[in-house]
Amino acid sequence: MSKYLIVMSAVVLASSLSARAADTIYVGGYGGSYEQLFKEKLIPSFEAKTGAKVVYVPGNSTDILAKLQAQKGRQEISLAVMDDGPMYQAVGQGLCAKVENTGSIKELYPNARMLGDSSVGLGYIASGLAYNKDVFAKNGWKAPTSWQDLTDPKYKQKVVIPPITNGYGLLTLVMMSKLNGGSEATMDPGFDVMIKKVAPNVLAWEPSPGKMAQMLQTGEAALVVWGNGRVQAVVDQGAPVEFVYPKEGAVVIMSSACVVEGAPQAKLGQQFLQHLASAESQALLATSQGFGPTNKNTKLPPDVMKRVVFGPEKVNALIAPNYLVINAKRAEWTNRWNRAVER
């Protein structure tokens, strides 16, 4: 082979590799069944449509946020999926780019267009109560109806709540404050109730979803604070468990996504965000993850519709926490919780 052909072959190969790298997008998001859904369905359909390659980087919300903070100015991830609390932190720190207001983004409910228009909600999760029906029947207890049921002494050592570092523990504290004369800005009433009335009932402050599911399934935990999607996964395994929307309202945890500011693949990031917000992707997220669709045009089969947050009435009934206040106080509350609540 002539030197010319060798050189030209090398140039073609280099440009082919460069084009392939240019068409590769890194997406950060939850692990477990969520990662599986992305790899089996959401990513292949996007790759087929665009010709791009998607590399999925799994991690919980705090992991993903930490990656974005550490890589600021030299980002590797182009699109990030997180819970709304950490997402508000990311937006506040300038880690998220403006969302392009086009296509499926225009089909979202207003409350899924998050603060600053730099991120959007991909799914509603209702945070409420769940109980083991067999344990309740055996004890002659009526089904729980209120957040205040967590304070009932008859549930001593039968309640399981995630810690404050988990969204569900944090939101339990917020609701205890709201229902006892406080708010996100005035948390003393919440801490007072948690210390004196809720903590004595708590068997475990359990961070692991797998362990939480096991405790609820076996009846070791009679009453828990958890999300409707997580509870539905336990119900689907045949456990005698039921989710309850408390009469005061369920608190929303919104799975959200943003295109990363300074992303190496900003254009593909916007396209992938459009893809995730589409009615078709939203239906997959609802069926697989128990997420309530944020796209108003999503169609669901009746059995799925019944077990997720679906439609304007349920969406509008969700309680939205004030994360501007929460995130400013999160470290202080965590220290106080560790000293006084979870001892």
C-alpha atoms as a PDB file:
ATOM      1  CA  MET A   1       0.000   0.000   0.000  1.00  0.00           C
ATOM      2  CA  SER A   2       1.359   3.453  -0.919  1.00  0.00           C
ATOM      3  CA  LYS A   3       2.213   6.023   1.739  1.00  0.00           C
ATOM      4  CA  TYR A   4      -0.631   8.174   0.400  1.00  0.00           C
ATOM      5  CA  LEU A   5      -3.204   5.403   0.916  1.00  0.00           C
ATOM      6  CA  ILE A   6      -1.863   4.632   4.387  1.00  0.00           C
ATOM      7  CA  VAL A   7      -2.099   8.294   5.393  1.00  0.00           C
ATOM      8  CA  MET A   8      -5.589   8.665   3.917  1.00  0.00           C
ATOM      9  CA  SER A   9      -6.776   5.477   5.652  1.00  0.00           C
ATOM     10  CA  ALA A  10      -5.505   6.832   8.958  1.00  0.00           C
ATOM     11  CA  VAL A  11      -7.267  10.163   8.362  1.00  0.00           C
ATOM     12  CA  VAL A  12     -10.559   8.436   7.513  1.00  0.00           C
ATOM     13  CA  LEU A  13     -10.288   6.183  10.582  1.00  0.00           C
ATOM     14  CA  ALA A  14      -9.452   9.123  12.852  1.00  0.00           C
ATOM     15  CA  SER A  15     -12.345  11.168  11.547  1.00  0.00           C
ATOM     16  CA  SER A  16     -14.690   8.193  11.886  1.00  0.00           C
ATOM     17  CA  LEU A  17     -13.646   7.711  15.532  1.00  0.00           C
ATOM     18  CA  SER A  18     -13.962  11.438  16.149  1.00  0.00           C
ATOM     19  CA  ALA A  19     -17.486  11.503  14.658  1.00  0.00           C
ATOM     20  CA  ARG A  20     -18.445   8.493  16.753  1.00  0.00           C
ATOM     21  CA  ALA A  21     -17.169  10.221  19.908  1.00  0.00           C
ATOM     22  CA  ALA A  22     -18.992  13.406  18.894  1.00  0.00           C
ATOM     23  CA  ASP A  23     -22.244  11.436  18.655  1.00  0.00           C
ATOM     24  CA  THR A  24     -21.904   9.800  22.075  1.00  0.00           C
ATOM     25  CA  ILE A  25     -23.896  11.264  24.958  1.00  0.00           C
ATOM     26  CA  TYR A  26     -23.425  10.410  28.635  1.00  0.00           C
ATOM     27  CA  VAL A  27     -26.616  10.349  30.712  1.00  0.00           C
ATOM     28  CA  GLY A  28     -26.610  10.178  34.512  1.00  0.00           C
ATOM     29  CA  GLY A  29     -29.597   8.715  36.369  1.00  0.00           C
ATOM     30  CA  TYR A  30     -30.940   6.271  38.950  1.00  0.00           C
ATOM     31  CA  GLY A  31     -29.752   2.674  39.066  1.00  0.00           C
ATOM     32  CA  GLY A  32     -31.746  -0.537  39.499  1.00  0.00           C
ATOM     33  CA  SER A  33     -34.960  -1.061  37.560  1.00  0.00           C
ATOM     34  CA  TYR A  34     -34.788   2.530  36.266  1.00  0.00           C
ATOM     35  CA  GLU A  35     -31.411   1.888  34.642  1.00  0.00           C
ATOM     36  CA  GLN A  36     -32.788  -1.356  33.206  1.00  0.00           C
ATOM     37  CA  LEU A  37     -35.738   0.483  31.611  1.00  0.00           C
ATOM     38  CA  PHE A  38     -33.385   3.013  30.044  1.00  0.00           C
ATOM     39  CA  LYS A  39     -31.035   0.370  28.664  1.00  0.00           C
ATOM     40  CA  GLU A  40     -33.771  -1.932  27.358  1.00  0.00           C
ATOM     41  CA  LYS A  41     -36.296   0.545  25.953  1.00  0.00           C
ATOM     42  CA  LEU A  42     -35.689   4.294  26.263  1.00  0.00           C
ATOM     43  CA  ILE A  43     -32.098   4.358  25.024  1.00  0.00           C
ATOM     44  CA  PRO A  44     -32.487   1.928  22.067  1.00  0.00           C
ATOM     45  CA  SER A  45     -35.436   3.901  20.663  1.00  0.00           C
ATOM     46  CA  PHE A  46     -33.459   7.164  20.906  1.00  0.00           C
ATOM     47  CA  GLU A  47     -30.377   5.615  19.314  1.00  0.00           C
ATOM     48  CA  ALA A  48     -32.478   4.227  16.452  1.00  0.00           C
ATOM     49  CA  LYS A  49     -34.058   7.636  15.876  1.00  0.00           C
ATOM     50  CA  THR A  50     -30.891   9.758  16.047  1.00  0.00           C
ATOM     51  CA  GLY A  51     -27.992   7.428  15.251  1.00  0.00           C
ATOM     52  CA  ALA A  52     -26.295   8.606  18.446  1.00  0.00           C
ATOM     53  CA  LYS A  53     -24.845   6.344  21.133  1.00  0.00           C
ATOM     54  CA  VAL A  54     -26.032   6.767  24.732  1.00  0.00           C
ATOM     55  CA  VAL A  55     -23.836   5.730  27.676  1.00  0.00           C
ATOM     56  CA  TYR A  56     -25.767   5.441  30.951  1.00  0.00           C
ATOM     57  CA  VAL A  57     -24.026   6.422  34.211  1.00  0.00           C
ATOM     58  CA  PRO A  58     -26.017   5.056  37.199  1.00  0.00           C
ATOM     59  CA  GLY A  59     -26.122   6.664  40.636  1.00  0.00           C
ATOM     60  CA  ASN A  60     -28.532   8.077  43.187  1.00  0.00           C
ATOM     61  CA  SER A  61     -29.483  11.752  43.089  1.00  0.00           C
ATOM     62  CA  THR A  62     -26.759  12.904  45.479  1.00  0.00           C
ATOM     63  CA  ASP A  63     -24.140  10.936  43.506  1.00  0.00           C
ATOM     64  CA  ILE A  64     -25.184  12.557  40.231  1.00  0.00           C
ATOM     65  CA  LEU A  65     -25.237  16.034  41.809  1.00  0.00           C
ATOM     66  CA  ALA A  66     -21.760  15.459  43.275  1.00  0.00           C
ATOM     67  CA  LYS A  67     -20.451  14.445  39.819  1.00  0.00           C
ATOM     68  CA  LEU A  68     -21.823  17.630  38.249  1.00  0.00           C
ATOM     69  CA  GLN A  69     -20.318  19.756  41.030  1.00  0.00           C
ATOM     70  CA  ALA A  70     -16.919  18.063  40.755  1.00  0.00           C
ATOM     71  CA  GLN A  71     -16.834  18.336  36.947  1.00  0.00           C
ATOM     72  CA  LYS A  72     -18.092  21.931  36.654  1.00  0.00           C
ATOM     73  CA  GLY A  73     -16.379  23.559  33.676  1.00  0.00           C
ATOM     74  CA  ARG A  74     -15.331  20.182  32.236  1.00  0.00           C
ATOM     75  CA  GLN A  75     -18.532  18.171  32.257  1.00  0.00           C
ATOM     76  CA  GLU A  76     -18.751  14.610  30.936  1.00  0.00           C
ATOM     77  CA  ILE A  77     -22.472  14.097  31.568  1.00  0.00           C
ATOM     78  CA  SER A  78     -24.770  15.899  29.128  1.00  0.00           C
ATOM     79  CA  LEU A  79     -28.127  15.046  30.710  1.00  0.00           C
ATOM     80  CA  ALA A  80     -28.796  14.376  34.398  1.00  0.00           C
ATOM     81  CA  VAL A  81     -31.802  12.755  36.090  1.00  0.00           C
ATOM     82  CA  MET A  82     -32.350  13.470  39.807  1.00  0.00           C
ATOM     83  CA  ASP A  83     -35.070  13.916  42.407  1.00  0.00           C
ATOM     84  CA  ASP A  84     -36.422  17.449  42.569  1.00  0.00           C
ATOM     85  CA  GLY A  85     -34.646  18.415  45.819  1.00  0.00           C
ATOM     86  CA  PRO A  86     -31.103  17.853  44.493  1.00  0.00           C
ATOM     87  CA  MET A  87     -32.240  19.203  41.111  1.00  0.00           C
ATOM     88  CA  TYR A  88     -33.140  22.550  42.698  1.00  0.00           C
ATOM     89  CA  GLN A  89     -29.622  22.589  44.154  1.00  0.00           C
ATOM     90  CA  ALA A  90     -28.138  21.884  40.716  1.00  0.00           C
ATOM     91  CA  VAL A  91     -30.160  24.687  39.116  1.00  0.00           C
ATOM     92  CA  GLY A  92     -29.234  27.098  41.922  1.00  0.00           C
ATOM     93  CA  GLN A  93     -25.545  26.324  41.393  1.00  0.00           C
ATOM     94  CA  GLY A  94     -25.743  27.019  37.655  1.00  0.00           C
ATOM     95  CA  LEU A  95     -25.245  23.383  36.678  1.00  0.00           C
ATOM     96  CA  CYS A  96     -28.298  23.170  34.389  1.00  0.00           C
ATOM     97  CA  ALA A  97     -28.862  24.813  31.003  1.00  0.00           C
ATOM     98  CA  LYS A  98     -32.110  26.412  29.835  1.00  0.00           C
ATOM     99  CA  VAL A  99     -34.659  23.936  28.494  1.00  0.00           C
ATOM    100  CA  GLU A 100     -35.658  24.485  24.856  1.00  0.00           C
ATOM    101  CA  ASN A 101     -39.385  25.237  24.888  1.00  0.00           C
ATOM    102  CA  THR A 102     -40.481  23.090  21.985  1.00  0.00           C
ATOM    103  CA  GLY A 103     -42.065  19.742  21.120  1.00  0.00           C
ATOM    104  CA  SER A 104     -42.983  17.514  24.056  1.00  0.00           C
ATOM    105  CA  ILE A 105     -41.788  20.127  26.581  1.00  0.00           C
ATOM    106  CA  LYS A 106     -44.871  22.200  25.676  1.00  0.00           C
ATOM    107  CA  GLU A 107     -47.095  19.231  26.611  1.00  0.00           C
ATOM    108  CA  LEU A 108     -46.017  19.141  30.277  1.00  0.00           C
ATOM    109  CA  TYR A 109     -48.175  20.164  33.241  1.00  0.00           C
ATOM    110  CA  PRO A 110     -47.247  23.661  34.495  1.00  0.00           C
ATOM    111  CA  ASN A 111     -45.806  22.330  37.777  1.00  0.00           C
ATOM    112  CA  ALA A 112     -43.462  20.058  35.801  1.00  0.00           C
ATOM    113  CA  ARG A 113     -41.811  23.157  34.326  1.00  0.00           C
ATOM    114  CA  MET A 114     -39.480  23.674  37.232  1.00  0.00           C
ATOM    115  CA  LEU A 115     -38.041  26.863  38.701  1.00  0.00           C
ATOM    116  CA  GLY A 116     -35.927  28.869  36.276  1.00  0.00           C
ATOM    117  CA  ASP A 117     -36.977  26.752  33.280  1.00  0.00           C
ATOM    118  CA  SER A 118     -33.676  24.892  33.500  1.00  0.00           C
ATOM    119  CA  SER A 119     -35.149  21.480  34.327  1.00  0.00           C
ATOM    120  CA  VAL A 120     -38.383  19.560  33.868  1.00  0.00           C
ATOM    121  CA  GLY A 121     -40.244  16.865  35.754  1.00  0.00           C
ATOM    122  CA  LEU A 122     -40.297  13.376  34.241  1.00  0.00           C
ATOM    123  CA  GLY A 123     -42.588  11.722  36.762  1.00  0.00           C
ATOM    124  CA  TYR A 124     -44.681  12.370  39.850  1.00  0.00           C
ATOM    125  CA  ILE A 125     -44.116  10.203  42.904  1.00  0.00           C
ATOM    126  CA  ALA A 126     -46.646  10.570  45.714  1.00  0.00           C
ATOM    127  CA  SER A 127     -45.049  10.346  49.164  1.00  0.00           C
ATOM    128  CA  GLY A 128     -47.514   9.014  51.683  1.00  0.00           C
ATOM    129  CA  LEU A 129     -48.183   6.051  53.945  1.00  0.00           C
ATOM    130  CA  ALA A 130     -48.178   2.320  53.301  1.00  0.00           C
ATOM    131  CA  TYR A 131     -49.286  -0.440  55.631  1.00  0.00           C
ATOM    132  CA  ASN A 132     -49.323  -4.205  55.923  1.00  0.00           C
ATOM    133  CA  LYS A 133     -53.003  -5.182  55.783  1.00  0.00           C
ATOM    134  CA  ASP A 134     -52.482  -8.518  57.556  1.00  0.00           C
ATOM    135  CA  VAL A 135     -50.809  -6.877  60.565  1.00  0.00           C
ATOM    136  CA  PHE A 136     -53.556  -4.259  60.778  1.00  0.00           C
ATOM    137  CA  ALA A 137     -56.303  -6.897  60.544  1.00  0.00           C
ATOM    138  CA  LYS A 138     -54.641  -9.074  63.187  1.00  0.00           C
ATOM    139  CA  ASN A 139     -54.526  -6.120  65.612  1.00  0.00           C
ATOM    140  CA  GLY A 140     -58.002  -4.847  64.745  1.00  0.00           C
ATOM    141  CA  TRP A 141     -56.596  -1.545  63.511  1.00  0.00           C
ATOM    142  CA  LYS A 142     -58.373   0.623  60.940  1.00  0.00           C
ATOM    143  CA  ALA A 143     -56.424   1.600  57.845  1.00  0.00           C
ATOM    144  CA  PRO A 144     -54.282   4.727  58.335  1.00  0.00           C
ATOM    145  CA  THR A 145     -55.665   7.953  56.874  1.00  0.00           C
ATOM    146  CA  SER A 146     -53.417  10.759  58.131  1.00  0.00           C
ATOM    147  CA  TRP A 147     -49.793  11.789  58.546  1.00  0.00           C
ATOM    148  CA  GLN A 148     -50.701  12.201  62.217  1.00  0.00           C
ATOM    149  CA  ASP A 149     -51.164   8.413  62.471  1.00  0.00           C
ATOM    150  CA  LEU A 150     -47.373   8.195  62.721  1.00  0.00           C
ATOM    151  CA  THR A 151     -47.683   9.686  66.225  1.00  0.00           C
ATOM    152  CA  ASP A 152     -50.185   7.083  67.518  1.00  0.00           C
ATOM    153  CA  PRO A 153     -48.521   5.134  70.385  1.00  0.00           C
ATOM    154  CA  LYS A 154     -50.263   1.892  69.367  1.00  0.00           C
ATOM    155  CA  TYR A 155     -47.718   1.670  66.521  1.00  0.00           C
ATOM    156  CA  LYS A 156     -44.746   1.643  68.907  1.00  0.00           C
ATOM    157  CA  GLN A 157     -41.783  -0.085  67.227  1.00  0.00           C
ATOM    158  CA  LYS A 158     -43.922  -0.911  64.174  1.00  0.00           C
ATOM    159  CA  VAL A 159     -43.144   2.181  62.043  1.00  0.00           C
ATOM    160  CA  VAL A 160     -40.296   2.410  59.522  1.00  0.00           C
ATOM    161  CA  ILE A 161     -39.226   5.723  57.963  1.00  0.00           C
ATOM    162  CA  PRO A 162     -36.169   6.459  55.802  1.00  0.00           C
ATOM    163  CA  PRO A 163     -33.582   8.839  57.333  1.00  0.00           C
ATOM    164  CA  ILE A 164     -33.459  12.584  56.652  1.00  0.00           C
ATOM    165  CA  THR A 165     -30.763  12.039  54.014  1.00  0.00           C
ATOM    166  CA  ASN A 166     -33.479  10.267  52.014  1.00  0.00           C
ATOM    167  CA  GLY A 167     -36.303  12.379  50.565  1.00  0.00           C
ATOM    168  CA  TYR A 168     -39.017  10.470  52.429  1.00  0.00           C
ATOM    169  CA  GLY A 169     -37.528  11.138  55.865  1.00  0.00           C
ATOM    170  CA  LEU A 170     -37.059  14.806  55.066  1.00  0.00           C
ATOM    171  CA  LEU A 171     -40.643  15.161  53.831  1.00  0.00           C
ATOM    172  CA  THR A 172     -41.996  13.424  56.945  1.00  0.00           C
ATOM    173  CA  LEU A 173     -40.287  16.124  59.021  1.00  0.00           C
ATOM    174  CA  VAL A 174     -41.734  18.854  56.794  1.00  0.00           C
ATOM    175  CA  MET A 175     -45.268  17.458  57.103  1.00  0.00           C
ATOM    176  CA  MET A 176     -44.990  17.103  60.893  1.00  0.00           C
ATOM    177  CA  SER A 177     -44.051  20.776  61.000  1.00  0.00           C
ATOM    178  CA  LYS A 178     -46.841  21.909  58.666  1.00  0.00           C
ATOM    179  CA  LEU A 179     -49.498  19.979  60.603  1.00  0.00           C
ATOM    180  CA  ASN A 180     -48.367  21.307  63.966  1.00  0.00           C
ATOM    181  CA  GLY A 181     -48.223  25.037  63.401  1.00  0.00           C
ATOM    182  CA  GLY A 182     -44.918  25.299  61.559  1.00  0.00           C
ATOM    183  CA  SER A 183     -43.627  25.349  57.989  1.00  0.00           C
ATOM    184  CA  GLU A 184     -40.394  24.842  56.069  1.00  0.00           C
ATOM    185  CA  ALA A 185     -39.270  28.200  57.489  1.00  0.00           C
ATOM    186  CA  THR A 186     -40.275  27.276  61.055  1.00  0.00           C
ATOM    187  CA  MET A 187     -39.233  23.706  61.762  1.00  0.00           C
ATOM    188  CA  ASP A 188     -39.220  23.630  65.572  1.00  0.00           C
ATOM    189  CA  PRO A 189     -42.778  22.174  65.749  1.00  0.00           C
ATOM    190  CA  GLY A 190     -41.773  19.428  63.322  1.00  0.00           C
ATOM    191  CA  PHE A 191     -38.678  18.456  65.281  1.00  0.00           C
ATOM    192  CA  ASP A 192     -40.659  18.542  68.533  1.00  0.00           C
ATOM    193  CA  VAL A 193     -43.249  16.070  67.199  1.00  0.00           C
ATOM    194  CA  MET A 194     -40.628  13.856  65.566  1.00  0.00           C
ATOM    195  CA  ILE A 195     -38.610  13.610  68.801  1.00  0.00           C
ATOM    196  CA  LYS A 196     -41.485  13.155  71.260  1.00  0.00           C
ATOM    197  CA  LYS A 197     -44.157  11.306  69.291  1.00  0.00           C
ATOM    198  CA  VAL A 198     -42.842   9.766  66.072  1.00  0.00           C
ATOM    199  CA  ALA A 199     -39.365   8.505  67.043  1.00  0.00           C
ATOM    200  CA  PRO A 200     -40.672   6.251  69.880  1.00  0.00           C
ATOM    201  CA  ASN A 201     -42.795   4.427  67.284  1.00  0.00           C
ATOM    202  CA  VAL A 202     -39.930   3.920  64.833  1.00  0.00           C
ATOM    203  CA  LEU A 203     -38.363   0.480  64.623  1.00  0.00           C
ATOM    204  CA  ALA A 204     -35.796   1.542  62.010  1.00  0.00           C
ATOM    205  CA  TRP A 205     -34.733   4.588  60.022  1.00  0.00           C
ATOM    206  CA  GLU A 206     -34.159   2.454  56.945  1.00  0.00           C
ATOM    207  CA  PRO A 207     -32.258   3.902  53.939  1.00  0.00           C
ATOM    208  CA  SER A 208     -32.302   0.755  51.763  1.00  0.00           C
ATOM    209  CA  PRO A 209     -35.324   0.347  49.440  1.00  0.00           C
ATOM    210  CA  GLY A 210     -34.714  -3.421  49.341  1.00  0.00           C
ATOM    211  CA  LYS A 211     -34.693  -3.760  53.126  1.00  0.00           C
ATOM    212  CA  MET A 212     -37.705  -1.431  53.405  1.00  0.00           C
ATOM    213  CA  ALA A 213     -39.659  -3.607  50.966  1.00  0.00           C
ATOM    214  CA  GLN A 214     -38.720  -6.746  52.892  1.00  0.00           C
ATOM    215  CA  MET A 215     -39.784  -5.293  56.263  1.00  0.00           C
ATOM    216  CA  LEU A 216     -43.118  -4.129  54.859  1.00  0.00           C
ATOM    217  CA  GLN A 217     -43.706  -7.435  53.091  1.00  0.00           C
ATOM    218  CA  THR A 218     -43.047  -9.579  56.167  1.00  0.00           C
ATOM    219  CA  GLY A 219     -45.006  -7.323  58.512  1.00  0.00           C
ATOM    220  CA  GLU A 220     -41.962  -6.431  60.589  1.00  0.00           C
ATOM    221  CA  ALA A 221     -42.942  -2.907  59.550  1.00  0.00           C
ATOM    222  CA  ALA A 222     -46.678  -2.344  59.945  1.00  0.00           C
ATOM    223  CA  LEU A 223     -46.684   1.297  58.824  1.00  0.00           C
ATOM    224  CA  VAL A 224     -44.135   3.120  56.659  1.00  0.00           C
ATOM    225  CA  VAL A 225     -43.560   6.399  54.854  1.00  0.00           C
ATOM    226  CA  TRP A 226     -42.769   5.680  51.212  1.00  0.00           C
ATOM    227  CA  GLY A 227     -43.577   6.478  47.593  1.00  0.00           C
ATOM    228  CA  ASN A 228     -46.502   5.036  45.662  1.00  0.00           C
ATOM    229  CA  GLY A 229     -44.232   3.534  43.000  1.00  0.00           C
ATOM    230  CA  ARG A 230     -42.049   1.717  45.535  1.00  0.00           C
ATOM    231  CA  VAL A 231     -45.135   0.399  47.317  1.00  0.00           C
ATOM    232  CA  GLN A 232     -46.672  -0.792  44.063  1.00  0.00           C
ATOM    233  CA  ALA A 233     -43.565  -2.880  43.367  1.00  0.00           C
ATOM    234  CA  VAL A 234     -44.146  -4.680  46.701  1.00  0.00           C
ATOM    235  CA  VAL A 235     -47.858  -5.135  45.931  1.00  0.00           C
ATOM    236  CA  ASP A 236     -46.940  -6.618  42.535  1.00  0.00           C
ATOM    237  CA  GLN A 237     -44.979  -9.321  44.360  1.00  0.00           C
ATOM    238  CA  GLY A 238     -48.202 -10.421  46.051  1.00  0.00           C
ATOM    239  CA  ALA A 239     -47.628  -8.813  49.457  1.00  0.00           C
ATOM    240  CA  PRO A 240     -50.682  -7.748  51.546  1.00  0.00           C
ATOM    241  CA  VAL A 241     -49.681  -4.094  51.338  1.00  0.00           C
ATOM    242  CA  GLU A 242     -51.548  -0.925  50.392  1.00  0.00           C
ATOM    243  CA  PHE A 243     -50.551   2.680  49.688  1.00  0.00           C
ATOM    244  CA  VAL A 244     -52.522   5.496  51.334  1.00  0.00           C
ATOM    245  CA  TYR A 245     -52.855   9.079  50.113  1.00  0.00           C
ATOM    246  CA  PRO A 246     -53.084  10.920  53.488  1.00  0.00           C
ATOM    247  CA  LYS A 247     -56.165  13.122  53.871  1.00  0.00           C
ATOM    248  CA  GLU A 248     -53.934  16.195  54.325  1.00  0.00           C
ATOM    249  CA  GLY A 249     -52.351  15.442  50.957  1.00  0.00           C
ATOM    250  CA  ALA A 250     -49.472  13.393  49.589  1.00  0.00           C
ATOM    251  CA  VAL A 251     -46.166  15.193  49.117  1.00  0.00           C
ATOM    252  CA  VAL A 252     -44.754  15.144  45.625  1.00  0.00           C
ATOM    253  CA  ILE A 253     -41.265  13.936  44.840  1.00  0.00           C
ATOM    254  CA  MET A 254     -40.692  14.692  41.199  1.00  0.00           C
ATOM    255  CA  SER A 255     -38.163  12.792  39.176  1.00  0.00           C
ATOM    256  CA  SER A 256     -36.603  15.502  37.045  1.00  0.00           C
ATOM    257  CA  ALA A 257     -34.013  16.009  34.336  1.00  0.00           C
ATOM    258  CA  CYS A 258     -31.845  18.778  32.984  1.00  0.00           C
ATOM    259  CA  VAL A 259     -29.366  19.335  30.202  1.00  0.00           C
ATOM    260  CA  VAL A 260     -26.070  20.069  31.925  1.00  0.00           C
ATOM    261  CA  GLU A 261     -24.608  23.565  31.547  1.00  0.00           C
ATOM    262  CA  GLY A 262     -21.449  23.247  29.456  1.00  0.00           C
ATOM    263  CA  ALA A 263     -22.455  19.753  28.339  1.00  0.00           C
ATOM    264  CA  PRO A 264     -20.200  18.215  25.689  1.00  0.00           C
ATOM    265  CA  GLN A 265     -23.354  17.159  23.791  1.00  0.00           C
ATOM    266  CA  ALA A 266     -25.822  19.969  24.516  1.00  0.00           C
ATOM    267  CA  LYS A 267     -27.847  19.458  21.316  1.00  0.00           C
ATOM    268  CA  LEU A 268     -28.209  15.707  21.881  1.00  0.00           C
ATOM    269  CA  GLY A 269     -29.004  16.480  25.520  1.00  0.00           C
ATOM    270  CA  GLN A 270     -31.954  18.651  24.500  1.00  0.00           C
ATOM    271  CA  GLN A 271     -33.108  15.944  22.072  1.00  0.00           C
ATOM    272  CA  PHE A 272     -32.869  13.239  24.734  1.00  0.00           C
ATOM    273  CA  LEU A 273     -34.815  15.437  27.167  1.00  0.00           C
ATOM    274  CA  GLN A 274     -37.541  15.819  24.515  1.00  0.00           C
ATOM    275  CA  HIS A 275     -37.517  12.044  24.118  1.00  0.00           C
ATOM    276  CA  LEU A 276     -37.963  11.419  27.859  1.00  0.00           C
ATOM    277  CA  ALA A 277     -40.767  13.993  28.099  1.00  0.00           C
ATOM    278  CA  SER A 278     -42.702  12.467  25.188  1.00  0.00           C
ATOM    279  CA  ALA A 279     -46.046  10.782  25.859  1.00  0.00           C
ATOM    280  CA  GLU A 280     -44.611   7.438  24.697  1.00  0.00           C
ATOM    281  CA  SER A 281     -41.651   7.524  27.109  1.00  0.00           C
ATOM    282  CA  GLN A 282     -43.893   8.770  29.910  1.00  0.00           C
ATOM    283  CA  ALA A 283     -46.170   5.753  29.448  1.00  0.00           C
ATOM    284  CA  LEU A 284     -43.151   3.441  29.811  1.00  0.00           C
ATOM    285  CA  LEU A 285     -42.018   5.255  32.974  1.00  0.00           C
ATOM    286  CA  ALA A 286     -45.530   4.967  34.426  1.00  0.00           C
ATOM    287  CA  THR A 287     -45.863   1.260  33.652  1.00  0.00           C
ATOM    288  CA  SER A 288     -42.354   0.278  34.756  1.00  0.00           C
ATOM    289  CA  GLN A 289     -41.563   2.723  37.578  1.00  0.00           C
ATOM    290  CA  GLY A 290     -44.963   3.825  38.878  1.00  0.00           C
ATOM    291  CA  PHE A 291     -44.231   7.436  37.900  1.00  0.00           C
ATOM    292  CA  GLY A 292     -47.223   9.699  37.343  1.00  0.00           C
ATOM    293  CA  PRO A 293     -46.884  11.164  33.829  1.00  0.00           C
ATOM    294  CA  THR A 294     -45.941  14.842  33.606  1.00  0.00           C
ATOM    295  CA  ASN A 295     -46.971  14.934  29.928  1.00  0.00           C
ATOM    296  CA  LYS A 296     -50.688  15.786  29.713  1.00  0.00           C
ATOM    297  CA  ASN A 297     -51.088  13.765  26.514  1.00  0.00           C
ATOM    298  CA  THR A 298     -49.929  10.443  27.982  1.00  0.00           C
ATOM    299  CA  LYS A 299     -52.334   7.537  27.500  1.00  0.00           C
ATOM    300  CA  LEU A 300     -52.307   4.684  30.018  1.00  0.00           C
ATOM    301  CA  PRO A 301     -54.207   1.394  30.346  1.00  0.00           C
ATOM    302  CA  PRO A 302     -56.803   1.452  33.178  1.00  0.00           C
ATOM    303  CA  ASP A 303     -54.801  -0.823  35.504  1.00  0.00           C
ATOM    304  CA  VAL A 304     -51.735   1.459  35.324  1.00  0.00           C
ATOM    305  CA  MET A 305     -53.866   4.595  35.549  1.00  0.00           C
ATOM    306  CA  LYS A 306     -55.249   3.421  38.910  1.00  0.00           C
ATOM    307  CA  ARG A 307     -51.860   2.995  40.563  1.00  0.00           C
ATOM    308  CA  VAL A 308     -50.043   6.180  39.547  1.00  0.00           C
ATOM    309  CA  VAL A 309     -50.617   9.913  39.943  1.00  0.00           C
ATOM    310  CA  PHE A 310     -52.633  10.478  36.780  1.00  0.00           C
ATOM    311  CA  GLY A 311     -54.711  13.375  35.509  1.00  0.00           C
ATOM    312  CA  PRO A 312     -55.114  17.031  36.538  1.00  0.00           C
ATOM    313  CA  GLU A 313     -57.137  16.319  39.695  1.00  0.00           C
ATOM    314  CA  LYS A 314     -54.484  14.089  41.299  1.00  0.00           C
ATOM    315  CA  VAL A 315     -51.612  16.228  40.030  1.00  0.00           C
ATOM    316  CA  ASN A 316     -53.096  19.419  41.482  1.00  0.00           C
ATOM    317  CA  ALA A 317     -53.757  17.737  44.860  1.00  0.00           C
ATOM    318  CA  LEU A 318     -50.063  17.021  45.469  1.00  0.00           C
ATOM    319  CA  ILE A 319     -48.239  19.103  48.089  1.00  0.00           C
ATOM    320  CA  ALA A 320     -45.067  20.715  46.731  1.00  0.00           C
ATOM    321  CA  PRO A 321     -42.301  21.365  49.293  1.00  0.00           C
ATOM    322  CA  ASN A 322     -40.474  24.708  49.299  1.00  0.00           C
ATOM    323  CA  TYR A 323     -37.019  23.536  48.267  1.00  0.00           C
ATOM    324  CA  LEU A 324     -35.592  27.053  48.219  1.00  0.00           C
ATOM    325  CA  VAL A 325     -35.957  27.073  52.012  1.00  0.00           C
ATOM    326  CA  ILE A 326     -35.235  23.359  52.470  1.00  0.00           C
ATOM    327  CA  ASN A 327     -31.944  23.334  50.566  1.00  0.00           C
ATOM    328  CA  ALA A 328     -30.650  26.374  52.459  1.00  0.00           C
ATOM    329  CA  LYS A 329     -31.338  24.608  55.780  1.00  0.00           C
ATOM    330  CA  ARG A 330     -30.702  20.978  54.815  1.00  0.00           C
ATOM    331  CA  ALA A 331     -27.266  20.622  56.453  1.00  0.00           C
ATOM    332  CA  GLU A 332     -28.447  22.293  59.674  1.00  0.00           C
ATOM    333  CA  TRP A 333     -31.558  20.073  59.857  1.00  0.00           C
ATOM    334  CA  THR A 334     -29.512  16.939  59.155  1.00  0.00           C
ATOM    335  CA  ASN A 335     -27.183  17.675  62.066  1.00  0.00           C
ATOM    336  CA  ARG A 336     -30.134  18.392  64.350  1.00  0.00           C
ATOM    337  CA  TRP A 337     -31.929  15.215  63.222  1.00  0.00           C
ATOM    338  CA  ASN A 338     -28.850  13.067  63.852  1.00  0.00           C
ATOM    339  CA  ARG A 339     -28.417  14.548  67.336  1.00  0.00           C
ATOM    340  CA  ALA A 340     -32.032  14.519  68.496  1.00  0.00           C
ATOM    341  CA  VAL A 341     -34.322  12.373  66.313  1.00  0.00           C
ATOM    342  CA  GLU A 342     -32.373   9.372  65.054  1.00  0.00           C
ATOM    343  CA  ARG A 343     -30.376   8.456  68.147  1.00  0.00           C
END
